[in-house]
């Protein structure tokens, strides 16, 4: 895999135990080295805020649009 800058991206393969921790944690997870220094953060795909916002939107009376309706609207903007 290449980064946006075109550089080759390095891989780090997690153990099964580490993988389970990453995929089951609903909050951002700090990755640390053996000295405890933070190397980075792995963010979950859905944060608690994302889930709460999705639930709020589902229960609201806000209008909903299909993908086709949205694409039709965006295409109409290109024609203007």
N, C-alpha and C. Protein backbone atom coordinates (compact mmCIF):
# COMPACT_ATOMS: atom_id res chain seq x y z
N UNK A 1 0.85 -1.17 0.00
CA UNK A 1 0.00 0.00 0.00
C UNK A 1 0.89 1.23 0.00
N UNK A 2 0.46 2.27 -0.72
CA UNK A 2 1.23 3.51 -0.77
C UNK A 2 0.49 4.63 -0.06
N UNK A 3 1.26 5.55 0.51
CA UNK A 3 0.68 6.71 1.17
C UNK A 3 0.29 7.73 0.12
N UNK A 4 -0.37 8.83 0.54
CA UNK A 4 -0.75 9.89 -0.38
C UNK A 4 0.46 10.47 -1.10
N UNK A 5 1.61 10.45 -0.43
CA UNK A 5 2.83 11.02 -1.01
C UNK A 5 3.50 10.04 -1.96
N UNK A 6 2.96 8.83 -2.10
CA UNK A 6 3.51 7.84 -3.01
C UNK A 6 4.56 6.95 -2.38
N UNK A 7 4.79 7.08 -1.09
CA UNK A 7 5.76 6.24 -0.41
C UNK A 7 5.15 4.90 -0.06
N UNK A 8 5.98 3.88 -0.04
CA UNK A 8 5.51 2.55 0.36
C UNK A 8 5.18 2.56 1.85
N UNK A 9 4.03 2.03 2.21
CA UNK A 9 3.61 2.00 3.60
C UNK A 9 4.09 0.70 4.23
N UNK A 10 4.61 0.78 5.43
CA UNK A 10 5.05 -0.40 6.15
C UNK A 10 3.87 -1.07 6.84
N UNK A 11 3.95 -2.37 7.01
CA UNK A 11 2.89 -3.12 7.67
C UNK A 11 3.35 -3.56 9.06
N UNK A 12 2.42 -3.61 9.97
CA UNK A 12 2.63 -4.16 11.30
C UNK A 12 1.53 -5.18 11.51
N UNK A 13 1.89 -6.43 11.66
CA UNK A 13 0.90 -7.49 11.83
C UNK A 13 0.67 -7.71 13.32
N UNK A 14 -0.59 -7.62 13.72
CA UNK A 14 -0.96 -7.79 15.12
C UNK A 14 -1.23 -9.25 15.44
N UNK A 15 -1.01 -9.62 16.67
CA UNK A 15 -1.38 -10.96 17.13
C UNK A 15 -2.91 -11.02 17.19
N UNK A 16 -3.45 -12.23 17.33
CA UNK A 16 -4.91 -12.37 17.46
C UNK A 16 -5.42 -11.61 18.67
N UNK A 17 -4.69 -11.66 19.77
CA UNK A 17 -5.10 -10.96 21.00
C UNK A 17 -5.12 -9.44 20.77
N UNK A 18 -4.09 -8.93 20.10
CA UNK A 18 -4.04 -7.50 19.82
C UNK A 18 -5.15 -7.09 18.86
N UNK A 19 -5.39 -7.91 17.86
CA UNK A 19 -6.45 -7.62 16.89
C UNK A 19 -7.81 -7.56 17.58
N UNK A 20 -8.08 -8.51 18.46
CA UNK A 20 -9.35 -8.51 19.19
C UNK A 20 -9.51 -7.25 20.02
N UNK A 21 -8.43 -6.79 20.63
CA UNK A 21 -8.48 -5.57 21.43
C UNK A 21 -8.81 -4.36 20.54
N UNK A 22 -8.14 -4.27 19.40
CA UNK A 22 -8.35 -3.13 18.49
C UNK A 22 -9.78 -3.09 17.98
N UNK A 23 -10.31 -4.22 17.53
CA UNK A 23 -11.64 -4.21 16.92
C UNK A 23 -12.77 -4.15 17.94
N UNK A 24 -12.49 -4.48 19.21
CA UNK A 24 -13.57 -4.48 20.20
C UNK A 24 -13.59 -3.22 21.06
N UNK A 25 -12.64 -2.33 20.89
CA UNK A 25 -12.58 -1.13 21.71
C UNK A 25 -13.38 -0.01 21.04
N UNK A 26 -14.41 0.52 21.71
CA UNK A 26 -15.25 1.55 21.09
C UNK A 26 -14.65 2.95 21.15
N UNK A 27 -13.52 3.10 21.81
CA UNK A 27 -12.88 4.42 21.94
C UNK A 27 -11.51 4.38 21.26
N UNK A 28 -10.93 5.55 20.97
CA UNK A 28 -9.57 5.56 20.41
C UNK A 28 -8.61 4.80 21.32
N UNK A 29 -7.67 4.10 20.70
CA UNK A 29 -6.74 3.24 21.42
C UNK A 29 -5.32 3.74 21.20
N UNK A 30 -4.62 4.09 22.28
CA UNK A 30 -3.24 4.54 22.16
C UNK A 30 -2.32 3.34 21.97
N UNK A 31 -1.40 3.46 21.02
CA UNK A 31 -0.39 2.43 20.78
C UNK A 31 0.90 2.93 21.40
N UNK A 32 1.49 2.12 22.30
CA UNK A 32 2.69 2.54 23.04
C UNK A 32 3.82 1.55 22.81
N UNK A 33 5.05 2.04 22.95
CA UNK A 33 6.20 1.15 22.89
C UNK A 33 6.46 0.56 24.27
N UNK A 34 7.51 -0.24 24.39
CA UNK A 34 7.78 -0.94 25.65
C UNK A 34 8.13 0.01 26.79
N UNK A 35 8.49 1.26 26.47
CA UNK A 35 8.78 2.27 27.51
C UNK A 35 7.53 3.05 27.91
N UNK A 36 6.44 2.82 27.21
CA UNK A 36 5.20 3.53 27.52
C UNK A 36 5.00 4.78 26.69
N UNK A 37 5.92 5.07 25.77
CA UNK A 37 5.77 6.25 24.92
C UNK A 37 4.70 6.00 23.86
N UNK A 38 3.83 6.99 23.65
CA UNK A 38 2.75 6.87 22.67
C UNK A 38 3.34 6.97 21.27
N UNK A 39 3.05 5.96 20.46
CA UNK A 39 3.51 5.92 19.07
C UNK A 39 2.43 6.40 18.11
N UNK A 40 1.19 6.24 18.51
CA UNK A 40 0.09 6.63 17.65
C UNK A 40 -1.24 6.29 18.30
N UNK A 41 -2.29 6.54 17.56
CA UNK A 41 -3.65 6.28 18.05
C UNK A 41 -4.42 5.58 16.95
N UNK A 42 -5.12 4.53 17.32
CA UNK A 42 -6.01 3.83 16.39
C UNK A 42 -7.43 4.23 16.77
N UNK A 43 -8.13 4.85 15.82
CA UNK A 43 -9.51 5.27 16.09
C UNK A 43 -10.47 4.21 15.57
N UNK A 44 -11.52 3.93 16.32
CA UNK A 44 -12.52 2.98 15.83
C UNK A 44 -13.26 3.59 14.65
N UNK A 45 -13.84 2.72 13.85
CA UNK A 45 -14.59 3.20 12.70
C UNK A 45 -15.78 4.04 13.17
N UNK A 46 -16.48 3.56 14.19
CA UNK A 46 -17.61 4.28 14.77
C UNK A 46 -17.27 4.66 16.20
N UNK A 47 -17.25 5.94 16.48
CA UNK A 47 -17.01 6.40 17.84
C UNK A 47 -18.35 6.40 18.60
N UNK A 48 -18.28 6.55 19.90
CA UNK A 48 -19.51 6.64 20.70
C UNK A 48 -20.34 7.84 20.25
N UNK A 49 -19.66 8.93 19.89
CA UNK A 49 -20.35 10.13 19.40
C UNK A 49 -21.06 9.82 18.08
N UNK A 50 -20.38 9.07 17.17
CA UNK A 50 -21.00 8.71 15.90
C UNK A 50 -22.27 7.90 16.11
N UNK A 51 -22.21 6.94 17.02
CA UNK A 51 -23.36 6.08 17.29
C UNK A 51 -24.51 6.89 17.88
N UNK A 52 -24.20 7.78 18.83
CA UNK A 52 -25.24 8.63 19.43
C UNK A 52 -25.87 9.53 18.38
N UNK A 53 -25.04 10.08 17.48
CA UNK A 53 -25.57 10.96 16.42
C UNK A 53 -26.45 10.17 15.46
N UNK A 54 -26.05 8.96 15.11
CA UNK A 54 -26.85 8.13 14.21
C UNK A 54 -28.21 7.81 14.84
N UNK A 55 -28.21 7.48 16.12
CA UNK A 55 -29.47 7.20 16.82
C UNK A 55 -30.36 8.44 16.85
N UNK A 56 -29.76 9.60 17.07
CA UNK A 56 -30.53 10.85 17.10
C UNK A 56 -31.18 11.09 15.74
N UNK A 57 -30.40 10.89 14.67
CA UNK A 57 -30.93 11.14 13.33
C UNK A 57 -32.03 10.17 12.95
N UNK A 58 -31.86 8.90 13.33
CA UNK A 58 -32.87 7.89 13.02
C UNK A 58 -34.20 8.23 13.68
N UNK A 59 -34.14 8.75 14.90
CA UNK A 59 -35.38 9.04 15.64
C UNK A 59 -35.96 10.41 15.31
N UNK A 60 -35.28 11.19 14.47
CA UNK A 60 -35.76 12.54 14.15
C UNK A 60 -36.73 12.51 12.97
N UNK A 61 -37.38 13.64 12.75
CA UNK A 61 -38.29 13.80 11.62
C UNK A 61 -37.61 14.52 10.46
N UNK A 62 -36.28 14.59 10.49
CA UNK A 62 -35.54 15.26 9.41
C UNK A 62 -35.80 14.53 8.10
N UNK A 63 -35.79 15.26 6.97
CA UNK A 63 -36.00 14.59 5.69
C UNK A 63 -34.84 13.64 5.37
N UNK A 64 -35.16 12.58 4.65
CA UNK A 64 -34.15 11.61 4.21
C UNK A 64 -34.15 11.56 2.70
N UNK A 65 -32.97 11.34 2.13
CA UNK A 65 -32.82 11.31 0.68
C UNK A 65 -32.09 10.03 0.27
N UNK A 66 -32.51 9.48 -0.86
CA UNK A 66 -31.82 8.30 -1.38
C UNK A 66 -30.52 8.75 -2.06
N UNK A 67 -29.66 7.79 -2.33
CA UNK A 67 -28.42 8.09 -3.04
C UNK A 67 -28.75 8.67 -4.42
N UNK A 68 -29.74 8.09 -5.08
CA UNK A 68 -30.12 8.59 -6.42
C UNK A 68 -30.58 10.04 -6.35
N UNK A 69 -31.37 10.40 -5.32
CA UNK A 69 -31.83 11.79 -5.18
C UNK A 69 -30.65 12.73 -4.93
N UNK A 70 -29.72 12.29 -4.11
CA UNK A 70 -28.56 13.12 -3.81
C UNK A 70 -27.70 13.32 -5.05
N UNK A 71 -27.46 12.25 -5.81
CA UNK A 71 -26.65 12.36 -7.03
C UNK A 71 -27.33 13.25 -8.07
N UNK A 72 -28.64 13.12 -8.18
CA UNK A 72 -29.40 13.97 -9.10
C UNK A 72 -29.23 15.45 -8.71
N UNK A 73 -29.31 15.74 -7.43
CA UNK A 73 -29.13 17.11 -6.95
C UNK A 73 -27.72 17.60 -7.25
N UNK A 74 -26.72 16.79 -6.95
CA UNK A 74 -25.32 17.21 -7.20
C UNK A 74 -25.07 17.41 -8.68
N UNK A 75 -25.62 16.54 -9.51
CA UNK A 75 -25.47 16.73 -10.96
C UNK A 75 -26.14 17.99 -11.44
N UNK A 76 -27.26 18.38 -10.81
CA UNK A 76 -27.94 19.62 -11.21
C UNK A 76 -27.08 20.83 -10.90
N UNK A 77 -26.26 20.75 -9.89
CA UNK A 77 -25.36 21.87 -9.56
C UNK A 77 -24.28 22.04 -10.61
N UNK A 78 -23.82 20.93 -11.19
CA UNK A 78 -22.81 20.98 -12.25
C UNK A 78 -23.34 21.65 -13.50
N UNK A 79 -24.63 21.51 -13.75
CA UNK A 79 -25.23 22.06 -14.97
C UNK A 79 -25.47 23.56 -14.87
N UNK A 80 -25.40 24.10 -13.67
CA UNK A 80 -25.69 25.55 -13.48
C UNK A 80 -24.49 26.38 -13.84
